[in-house]
Amino acid sequence: MNIPRYKQIQEDLKKRIQKGDYKVGDYLPSEHELCSAFTITRTTARKALEELQKEGFIIRQHGKGSQVRERRDSLGLLTVKGFSEAVAQQVETEFLRRPELTSWDFDLSFKPTAREMKTQCLYFSRLRYIDHQPVMVEDNWLAVEKVPGFEKQEFVEGSFFKTLSQRYLIEIIGSEQELRAIAASEKVAGLLQVKKGAPVLHITVKYLTSIPGYYIYSQLFCQTDQFPIGNSFFVQ
């Protein structure tokens, strides 16, 4: 299969971004520098950068160049408003269950595919805090076939999505979501330090990834008294 030259350059630059060779805020080589490095035309270099911008990896600034951007800024997924603003404050994450191999036994509105059901499932659960206050219980399920050895390693900078990107070159490209207000179960109430039966926000999410047919399933139980829901994106 003949892969267009611009696509080859795009994929090369993307992998360097994913692996952290180019970090958020860094500038990629200029079109002229790419032409010299890859022996390509200016048109090919420009096309590669344009495609990276469409995917949300960079932002092209006239007179400055192509700057690596934070991917979460471009996804627009729903989560608890306040997390992204509070990163520099007292944000903590506690594993309720560390990544482990298990079966597909969750009961969510989004169901695993028949192909996924034939593979082993990887599951982990975390409790998220802001200023020592528990605000979110997060459960995640994904097929282990694309992330071998995931359960044996620490997350990159404590981030689930950065681990997927840098170690497995898997990107989150979108999501399907369902939001409901429910009464907190005894378990959820205890974790979020609210009364049993108190209203909490239940969000189920099916994340679409850069690998066709490969999904990540999540559920969030959110205590939203102090951190209302908005369209800011902060899932790590």
C-alpha atoms as a PDB file:
ATOM      1  CA  MET A   1       0.000   0.000   0.000  1.00  0.00           C
ATOM      2  CA  ASN A   2       1.409   3.366  -1.064  1.00  0.00           C
ATOM      3  CA  ILE A   3       1.237   5.849   1.812  1.00  0.00           C
ATOM      4  CA  PRO A   4       1.395   9.498   0.683  1.00  0.00           C
ATOM      5  CA  ARG A   5       4.619  11.210   1.690  1.00  0.00           C
ATOM      6  CA  TYR A   6       2.814  13.934   3.669  1.00  0.00           C
ATOM      7  CA  LYS A   7       1.050  11.189   5.657  1.00  0.00           C
ATOM      8  CA  GLN A   8       4.377   9.567   6.501  1.00  0.00           C
ATOM      9  CA  ILE A   9       5.728  12.892   7.777  1.00  0.00           C
ATOM     10  CA  GLN A  10       2.523  13.535   9.716  1.00  0.00           C
ATOM     11  CA  GLU A  11       2.722  10.134  11.435  1.00  0.00           C
ATOM     12  CA  ASP A  12       6.409  10.604  12.240  1.00  0.00           C
ATOM     13  CA  LEU A  13       5.763  13.979  13.881  1.00  0.00           C
ATOM     14  CA  LYS A  14       2.686  12.651  15.687  1.00  0.00           C
ATOM     15  CA  LYS A  15       4.663   9.796  17.259  1.00  0.00           C
ATOM     16  CA  ARG A  16       7.318  12.241  18.424  1.00  0.00           C
ATOM     17  CA  ILE A  17       4.603  14.332  20.087  1.00  0.00           C
ATOM     18  CA  GLN A  18       2.983  11.267  21.659  1.00  0.00           C
ATOM     19  CA  LYS A  19       6.307  10.024  23.042  1.00  0.00           C
ATOM     20  CA  GLY A  20       7.097  13.440  24.491  1.00  0.00           C
ATOM     21  CA  ASP A  21       9.972  14.366  22.171  1.00  0.00           C
ATOM     22  CA  TYR A  22       7.921  17.486  21.458  1.00  0.00           C
ATOM     23  CA  LYS A  23       6.049  18.633  24.561  1.00  0.00           C
ATOM     24  CA  VAL A  24       3.042  20.924  24.935  1.00  0.00           C
ATOM     25  CA  GLY A  25       4.200  24.445  24.128  1.00  0.00           C
ATOM     26  CA  ASP A  26       7.136  23.317  21.973  1.00  0.00           C
ATOM     27  CA  TYR A  27       7.366  24.399  18.349  1.00  0.00           C
ATOM     28  CA  LEU A  28       7.812  21.840  15.582  1.00  0.00           C
ATOM     29  CA  PRO A  29      10.467  22.380  12.916  1.00  0.00           C
ATOM     30  CA  SER A  30       9.465  24.991  10.343  1.00  0.00           C
ATOM     31  CA  GLU A  31       8.305  24.026   6.853  1.00  0.00           C
ATOM     32  CA  HIS A  32      11.773  24.898   5.568  1.00  0.00           C
ATOM     33  CA  GLU A  33      13.437  22.711   8.219  1.00  0.00           C
ATOM     34  CA  LEU A  34      11.082  19.812   7.461  1.00  0.00           C
ATOM     35  CA  CYS A  35      11.919  20.109   3.763  1.00  0.00           C
ATOM     36  CA  SER A  36      15.624  19.768   4.559  1.00  0.00           C
ATOM     37  CA  ALA A  37      15.210  16.990   7.125  1.00  0.00           C
ATOM     38  CA  PHE A  38      12.910  14.781   5.025  1.00  0.00           C
ATOM     39  CA  THR A  39      13.917  15.879   1.492  1.00  0.00           C
ATOM     40  CA  ILE A  40      10.377  16.932   0.633  1.00  0.00           C
ATOM     41  CA  THR A  41       8.697  19.878  -1.044  1.00  0.00           C
ATOM     42  CA  ARG A  42       7.224  22.851   0.801  1.00  0.00           C
ATOM     43  CA  THR A  43       3.737  21.711  -0.266  1.00  0.00           C
ATOM     44  CA  THR A  44       4.253  18.271   1.326  1.00  0.00           C
ATOM     45  CA  ALA A  45       5.552  19.805   4.564  1.00  0.00           C
ATOM     46  CA  ARG A  46       2.603  22.202   4.727  1.00  0.00           C
ATOM     47  CA  LYS A  47       0.099  19.388   4.107  1.00  0.00           C
ATOM     48  CA  ALA A  48       1.607  17.283   6.923  1.00  0.00           C
ATOM     49  CA  LEU A  49       1.331  20.174   9.375  1.00  0.00           C
ATOM     50  CA  GLU A  50      -2.214  20.978   8.266  1.00  0.00           C
ATOM     51  CA  GLU A  51      -3.272  17.387   8.966  1.00  0.00           C
ATOM     52  CA  LEU A  52      -1.660  17.498  12.426  1.00  0.00           C
ATOM     53  CA  GLN A  53      -3.613  20.656  13.145  1.00  0.00           C
ATOM     54  CA  LYS A  54      -6.881  19.010  12.046  1.00  0.00           C
ATOM     55  CA  GLU A  55      -6.203  16.193  14.518  1.00  0.00           C
ATOM     56  CA  GLY A  56      -5.692  18.715  17.312  1.00  0.00           C
ATOM     57  CA  PHE A  57      -2.006  18.028  17.975  1.00  0.00           C
ATOM     58  CA  ILE A  58      -0.741  21.478  17.010  1.00  0.00           C
ATOM     59  CA  ILE A  59      -1.940  25.011  16.453  1.00  0.00           C
ATOM     60  CA  ARG A  60      -0.400  26.949  13.570  1.00  0.00           C
ATOM     61  CA  GLN A  61       0.403  30.564  14.411  1.00  0.00           C
ATOM     62  CA  HIS A  62       1.206  32.989  11.632  1.00  0.00           C
ATOM     63  CA  GLY A  63       4.734  34.299  12.009  1.00  0.00           C
ATOM     64  CA  LYS A  64       5.535  31.920  14.897  1.00  0.00           C
ATOM     65  CA  GLY A  65       5.179  28.375  13.622  1.00  0.00           C
ATOM     66  CA  SER A  66       3.438  25.151  14.638  1.00  0.00           C
ATOM     67  CA  GLN A  67       3.051  24.811  18.407  1.00  0.00           C
ATOM     68  CA  VAL A  68       2.171  21.564  20.184  1.00  0.00           C
ATOM     69  CA  ARG A  69      -1.124  22.002  22.017  1.00  0.00           C
ATOM     70  CA  GLU A  70      -2.750  20.232  24.929  1.00  0.00           C
ATOM     71  CA  ARG A  71      -5.009  17.622  23.326  1.00  0.00           C
ATOM     72  CA  ARG A  72      -7.668  17.865  26.023  1.00  0.00           C
ATOM     73  CA  ASP A  73      -8.337  21.478  24.977  1.00  0.00           C
ATOM     74  CA  SER A  74      -9.648  20.294  21.624  1.00  0.00           C
ATOM     75  CA  LEU A  75     -11.868  17.361  22.616  1.00  0.00           C
ATOM     76  CA  GLY A  76     -14.727  19.130  24.386  1.00  0.00           C
ATOM     77  CA  LEU A  77     -15.750  16.190  26.555  1.00  0.00           C
ATOM     78  CA  LEU A  78     -17.932  16.698  29.617  1.00  0.00           C
ATOM     79  CA  THR A  79     -16.553  16.243  33.092  1.00  0.00           C
ATOM     80  CA  VAL A  80     -16.481  18.004  36.437  1.00  0.00           C
ATOM     81  CA  LYS A  81     -15.836  21.692  35.903  1.00  0.00           C
ATOM     82  CA  GLY A  82     -13.072  22.854  38.170  1.00  0.00           C
ATOM     83  CA  PHE A  83     -10.587  19.992  37.810  1.00  0.00           C
ATOM     84  CA  SER A  84      -8.622  21.616  34.989  1.00  0.00           C
ATOM     85  CA  GLU A  85      -8.535  24.948  36.810  1.00  0.00           C
ATOM     86  CA  ALA A  86      -7.496  23.245  40.064  1.00  0.00           C
ATOM     87  CA  VAL A  87      -4.558  21.236  38.743  1.00  0.00           C
ATOM     88  CA  ALA A  88      -2.108  23.615  40.424  1.00  0.00           C
ATOM     89  CA  GLN A  89      -3.970  23.249  43.730  1.00  0.00           C
ATOM     90  CA  GLN A  90      -4.534  20.201  45.898  1.00  0.00           C
ATOM     91  CA  VAL A  91      -5.664  17.629  43.335  1.00  0.00           C
ATOM     92  CA  GLU A  92      -5.232  14.034  44.430  1.00  0.00           C
ATOM     93  CA  THR A  93      -6.047  10.620  43.011  1.00  0.00           C
ATOM     94  CA  GLU A  94      -6.484   7.444  45.049  1.00  0.00           C
ATOM     95  CA  PHE A  95      -6.677   4.004  43.442  1.00  0.00           C
ATOM     96  CA  LEU A  96      -9.625   2.058  44.773  1.00  0.00           C
ATOM     97  CA  ARG A  97      -8.531  -0.847  42.572  1.00  0.00           C
ATOM     98  CA  ARG A  98      -5.311  -0.770  40.585  1.00  0.00           C
ATOM     99  CA  PRO A  99      -5.348  -1.987  36.952  1.00  0.00           C
ATOM    100  CA  GLU A 100      -6.120  -5.693  36.907  1.00  0.00           C
ATOM    101  CA  LEU A 101      -7.246  -8.307  34.395  1.00  0.00           C
ATOM    102  CA  THR A 102     -10.867  -9.311  34.772  1.00  0.00           C
ATOM    103  CA  SER A 103     -14.006 -10.190  32.788  1.00  0.00           C
ATOM    104  CA  TRP A 104     -16.466  -7.881  31.033  1.00  0.00           C
ATOM    105  CA  ASP A 105     -18.990  -7.769  33.853  1.00  0.00           C
ATOM    106  CA  PHE A 106     -20.043  -4.107  33.995  1.00  0.00           C
ATOM    107  CA  ASP A 107     -23.634  -2.949  33.544  1.00  0.00           C
ATOM    108  CA  LEU A 108     -23.554   0.292  31.534  1.00  0.00           C
ATOM    109  CA  SER A 109     -25.675   1.717  28.746  1.00  0.00           C
ATOM    110  CA  PHE A 110     -22.694   1.299  26.382  1.00  0.00           C
ATOM    111  CA  LYS A 111     -21.937  -2.379  25.817  1.00  0.00           C
ATOM    112  CA  PRO A 112     -18.641  -3.935  24.702  1.00  0.00           C
ATOM    113  CA  THR A 113     -18.583  -5.311  21.174  1.00  0.00           C
ATOM    114  CA  ALA A 114     -18.716  -9.032  20.391  1.00  0.00           C
ATOM    115  CA  ARG A 115     -15.012  -8.876  19.507  1.00  0.00           C
ATOM    116  CA  GLU A 116     -14.148  -7.236  22.821  1.00  0.00           C
ATOM    117  CA  MET A 117     -16.134  -9.843  24.725  1.00  0.00           C
ATOM    118  CA  LYS A 118     -13.762 -12.494  23.328  1.00  0.00           C
ATOM    119  CA  THR A 119     -10.736 -10.728  24.843  1.00  0.00           C
ATOM    120  CA  GLN A 120      -9.661 -10.172  28.427  1.00  0.00           C
ATOM    121  CA  CYS A 121     -10.761  -6.950  30.108  1.00  0.00           C
ATOM    122  CA  LEU A 122      -8.544  -4.519  32.010  1.00  0.00           C
ATOM    123  CA  TYR A 123     -10.263  -2.670  34.857  1.00  0.00           C
ATOM    124  CA  PHE A 124      -9.274  -0.003  37.373  1.00  0.00           C
ATOM    125  CA  SER A 125     -11.105   2.343  39.729  1.00  0.00           C
ATOM    126  CA  ARG A 126     -10.034   5.689  41.216  1.00  0.00           C
ATOM    127  CA  LEU A 127     -11.311   8.324  43.617  1.00  0.00           C
ATOM    128  CA  ARG A 128     -10.542  11.942  42.680  1.00  0.00           C
ATOM    129  CA  TYR A 129     -10.135  14.772  45.221  1.00  0.00           C
ATOM    130  CA  ILE A 130      -9.908  18.549  45.081  1.00  0.00           C
ATOM    131  CA  ASP A 131      -8.448  20.205  48.192  1.00  0.00           C
ATOM    132  CA  HIS A 132      -8.766  16.841  49.979  1.00  0.00           C
ATOM    133  CA  GLN A 133     -12.504  16.697  49.205  1.00  0.00           C
ATOM    134  CA  PRO A 134     -13.703  13.627  47.261  1.00  0.00           C
ATOM    135  CA  VAL A 135     -15.597  14.752  44.154  1.00  0.00           C
ATOM    136  CA  MET A 136     -15.526  11.878  41.669  1.00  0.00           C
ATOM    137  CA  VAL A 137     -15.515   8.075  41.610  1.00  0.00           C
ATOM    138  CA  GLU A 138     -14.193   6.822  38.262  1.00  0.00           C
ATOM    139  CA  ASP A 139     -14.335   3.261  36.856  1.00  0.00           C
ATOM    140  CA  ASN A 140     -12.661   2.268  33.573  1.00  0.00           C
ATOM    141  CA  TRP A 141     -12.723  -0.837  31.354  1.00  0.00           C
ATOM    142  CA  LEU A 142     -10.726  -1.557  28.197  1.00  0.00           C
ATOM    143  CA  ALA A 143      -9.582  -4.560  26.172  1.00  0.00           C
ATOM    144  CA  VAL A 144      -6.075  -5.620  27.144  1.00  0.00           C
ATOM    145  CA  GLU A 145      -5.145  -6.730  23.595  1.00  0.00           C
ATOM    146  CA  LYS A 146      -3.932  -3.235  22.595  1.00  0.00           C
ATOM    147  CA  VAL A 147      -2.255  -2.390  25.914  1.00  0.00           C
ATOM    148  CA  PRO A 148      -0.123  -5.415  26.890  1.00  0.00           C
ATOM    149  CA  GLY A 149       1.552  -5.093  30.269  1.00  0.00           C
ATOM    150  CA  PHE A 150      -0.576  -2.081  31.237  1.00  0.00           C
ATOM    151  CA  GLU A 151      -1.405  -3.523  34.650  1.00  0.00           C
ATOM    152  CA  LYS A 152       2.290  -3.830  35.557  1.00  0.00           C
ATOM    153  CA  GLN A 153       3.333  -0.189  35.120  1.00  0.00           C
ATOM    154  CA  GLU A 154       2.792   3.205  36.682  1.00  0.00           C
ATOM    155  CA  PHE A 155       0.860   5.891  34.800  1.00  0.00           C
ATOM    156  CA  VAL A 156       2.842   8.589  32.980  1.00  0.00           C
ATOM    157  CA  GLU A 157       2.632  11.658  35.258  1.00  0.00           C
ATOM    158  CA  GLY A 158      -0.360   9.990  36.934  1.00  0.00           C
ATOM    159  CA  SER A 159      -2.348  10.287  33.699  1.00  0.00           C
ATOM    160  CA  PHE A 160      -4.299   7.426  32.106  1.00  0.00           C
ATOM    161  CA  PHE A 161      -4.605   9.175  28.736  1.00  0.00           C
ATOM    162  CA  LYS A 162      -0.931  10.216  28.657  1.00  0.00           C
ATOM    163  CA  THR A 163       0.001   6.597  29.320  1.00  0.00           C
ATOM    164  CA  LEU A 164      -2.140   5.447  26.398  1.00  0.00           C
ATOM    165  CA  SER A 165      -0.623   8.107  24.140  1.00  0.00           C
ATOM    166  CA  GLN A 166       3.062   7.893  25.037  1.00  0.00           C
ATOM    167  CA  ARG A 167       3.422   4.152  25.616  1.00  0.00           C
ATOM    168  CA  TYR A 168       0.832   2.719  23.235  1.00  0.00           C
ATOM    169  CA  LEU A 169       0.318   5.568  20.705  1.00  0.00           C
ATOM    170  CA  ILE A 170      -3.441   5.450  21.347  1.00  0.00           C
ATOM    171  CA  GLU A 171      -5.301   8.766  21.221  1.00  0.00           C
ATOM    172  CA  ILE A 172      -8.791   9.644  22.438  1.00  0.00           C
ATOM    173  CA  ILE A 173     -10.577  11.208  19.451  1.00  0.00           C
ATOM    174  CA  GLY A 174     -14.115  11.619  20.782  1.00  0.00           C
ATOM    175  CA  SER A 175     -16.818  10.105  22.962  1.00  0.00           C
ATOM    176  CA  GLU A 176     -20.436   9.109  23.379  1.00  0.00           C
ATOM    177  CA  GLN A 177     -21.934  10.062  26.753  1.00  0.00           C
ATOM    178  CA  GLU A 178     -25.026   9.607  28.843  1.00  0.00           C
ATOM    179  CA  LEU A 179     -25.750  11.718  31.939  1.00  0.00           C
ATOM    180  CA  ARG A 180     -28.281  10.929  34.673  1.00  0.00           C
ATOM    181  CA  ALA A 181     -29.005  12.133  38.185  1.00  0.00           C
ATOM    182  CA  ILE A 182     -29.258   9.138  40.517  1.00  0.00           C
ATOM    183  CA  ALA A 183     -29.497   8.456  44.237  1.00  0.00           C
ATOM    184  CA  ALA A 184     -26.125   7.639  45.743  1.00  0.00           C
ATOM    185  CA  SER A 185     -25.730   4.009  46.741  1.00  0.00           C
ATOM    186  CA  GLU A 186     -24.264   3.215  50.147  1.00  0.00           C
ATOM    187  CA  LYS A 187     -20.848   2.555  48.557  1.00  0.00           C
ATOM    188  CA  VAL A 188     -20.787   5.734  46.429  1.00  0.00           C
ATOM    189  CA  ALA A 189     -22.163   7.847  49.296  1.00  0.00           C
ATOM    190  CA  GLY A 190     -19.400   6.606  51.556  1.00  0.00           C
ATOM    191  CA  LEU A 191     -16.675   7.404  49.025  1.00  0.00           C
ATOM    192  CA  LEU A 192     -18.023  10.865  48.188  1.00  0.00           C
ATOM    193  CA  GLN A 193     -18.895  11.612  51.814  1.00  0.00           C
ATOM    194  CA  VAL A 194     -22.554  12.379  51.149  1.00  0.00           C
ATOM    195  CA  LYS A 195     -25.726  10.880  52.584  1.00  0.00           C
ATOM    196  CA  LYS A 196     -26.989   7.628  51.127  1.00  0.00           C
ATOM    197  CA  GLY A 197     -29.695   8.495  48.594  1.00  0.00           C
ATOM    198  CA  ALA A 198     -28.315  12.011  47.990  1.00  0.00           C
ATOM    199  CA  PRO A 199     -28.431  13.033  44.310  1.00  0.00           C
ATOM    200  CA  VAL A 200     -25.182  12.504  42.413  1.00  0.00           C
ATOM    201  CA  LEU A 201     -24.442  12.795  38.720  1.00  0.00           C
ATOM    202  CA  HIS A 202     -23.807   9.490  36.945  1.00  0.00           C
ATOM    203  CA  ILE A 203     -21.949   9.820  33.626  1.00  0.00           C
ATOM    204  CA  THR A 204     -21.305   6.823  31.388  1.00  0.00           C
ATOM    205  CA  VAL A 205     -18.820   7.303  28.576  1.00  0.00           C
ATOM    206  CA  LYS A 206     -17.690   5.323  25.548  1.00  0.00           C
ATOM    207  CA  TYR A 207     -14.398   6.833  24.392  1.00  0.00           C
ATOM    208  CA  LEU A 208     -13.522   6.511  20.731  1.00  0.00           C
ATOM    209  CA  THR A 209      -9.813   5.985  20.070  1.00  0.00           C
ATOM    210  CA  SER A 210      -7.438   6.350  17.154  1.00  0.00           C
ATOM    211  CA  ILE A 211      -7.615   2.560  16.692  1.00  0.00           C
ATOM    212  CA  PRO A 212     -10.809   1.714  14.734  1.00  0.00           C
ATOM    213  CA  GLY A 213     -13.119  -0.511  16.770  1.00  0.00           C
ATOM    214  CA  TYR A 214     -11.145  -0.076  19.996  1.00  0.00           C
ATOM    215  CA  TYR A 215     -13.019   1.666  22.809  1.00  0.00           C
ATOM    216  CA  ILE A 216     -12.634   2.610  26.454  1.00  0.00           C
ATOM    217  CA  TYR A 217     -15.662   2.439  28.742  1.00  0.00           C
ATOM    218  CA  SER A 218     -15.999   4.606  31.830  1.00  0.00           C
ATOM    219  CA  GLN A 219     -18.496   5.567  34.485  1.00  0.00           C
ATOM    220  CA  LEU A 220     -18.219   8.576  36.769  1.00  0.00           C
ATOM    221  CA  PHE A 221     -20.129   9.323  39.950  1.00  0.00           C
ATOM    222  CA  CYS A 222     -19.806  13.054  40.606  1.00  0.00           C
ATOM    223  CA  GLN A 223     -20.551  15.145  43.662  1.00  0.00           C
ATOM    224  CA  THR A 224     -21.384  18.470  42.007  1.00  0.00           C
ATOM    225  CA  ASP A 225     -22.326  20.759  44.891  1.00  0.00           C
ATOM    226  CA  GLN A 226     -19.125  22.785  44.567  1.00  0.00           C
ATOM    227  CA  PHE A 227     -17.959  21.695  41.109  1.00  0.00           C
ATOM    228  CA  PRO A 228     -20.787  22.023  38.570  1.00  0.00           C
ATOM    229  CA  ILE A 229     -20.673  20.292  35.206  1.00  0.00           C
ATOM    230  CA  GLY A 230     -19.322  22.203  32.233  1.00  0.00           C
ATOM    231  CA  ASN A 231     -17.647  21.361  28.951  1.00  0.00           C
ATOM    232  CA  SER A 232     -14.103  21.640  30.235  1.00  0.00           C
ATOM    233  CA  PHE A 233     -12.117  18.445  29.742  1.00  0.00           C
ATOM    234  CA  PHE A 234     -10.043  16.798  32.434  1.00  0.00           C
ATOM    235  CA  VAL A 235      -9.921  13.032  32.463  1.00  0.00           C
ATOM    236  CA  GLN A 236      -6.536  11.622  33.327  1.00  0.00           C
END
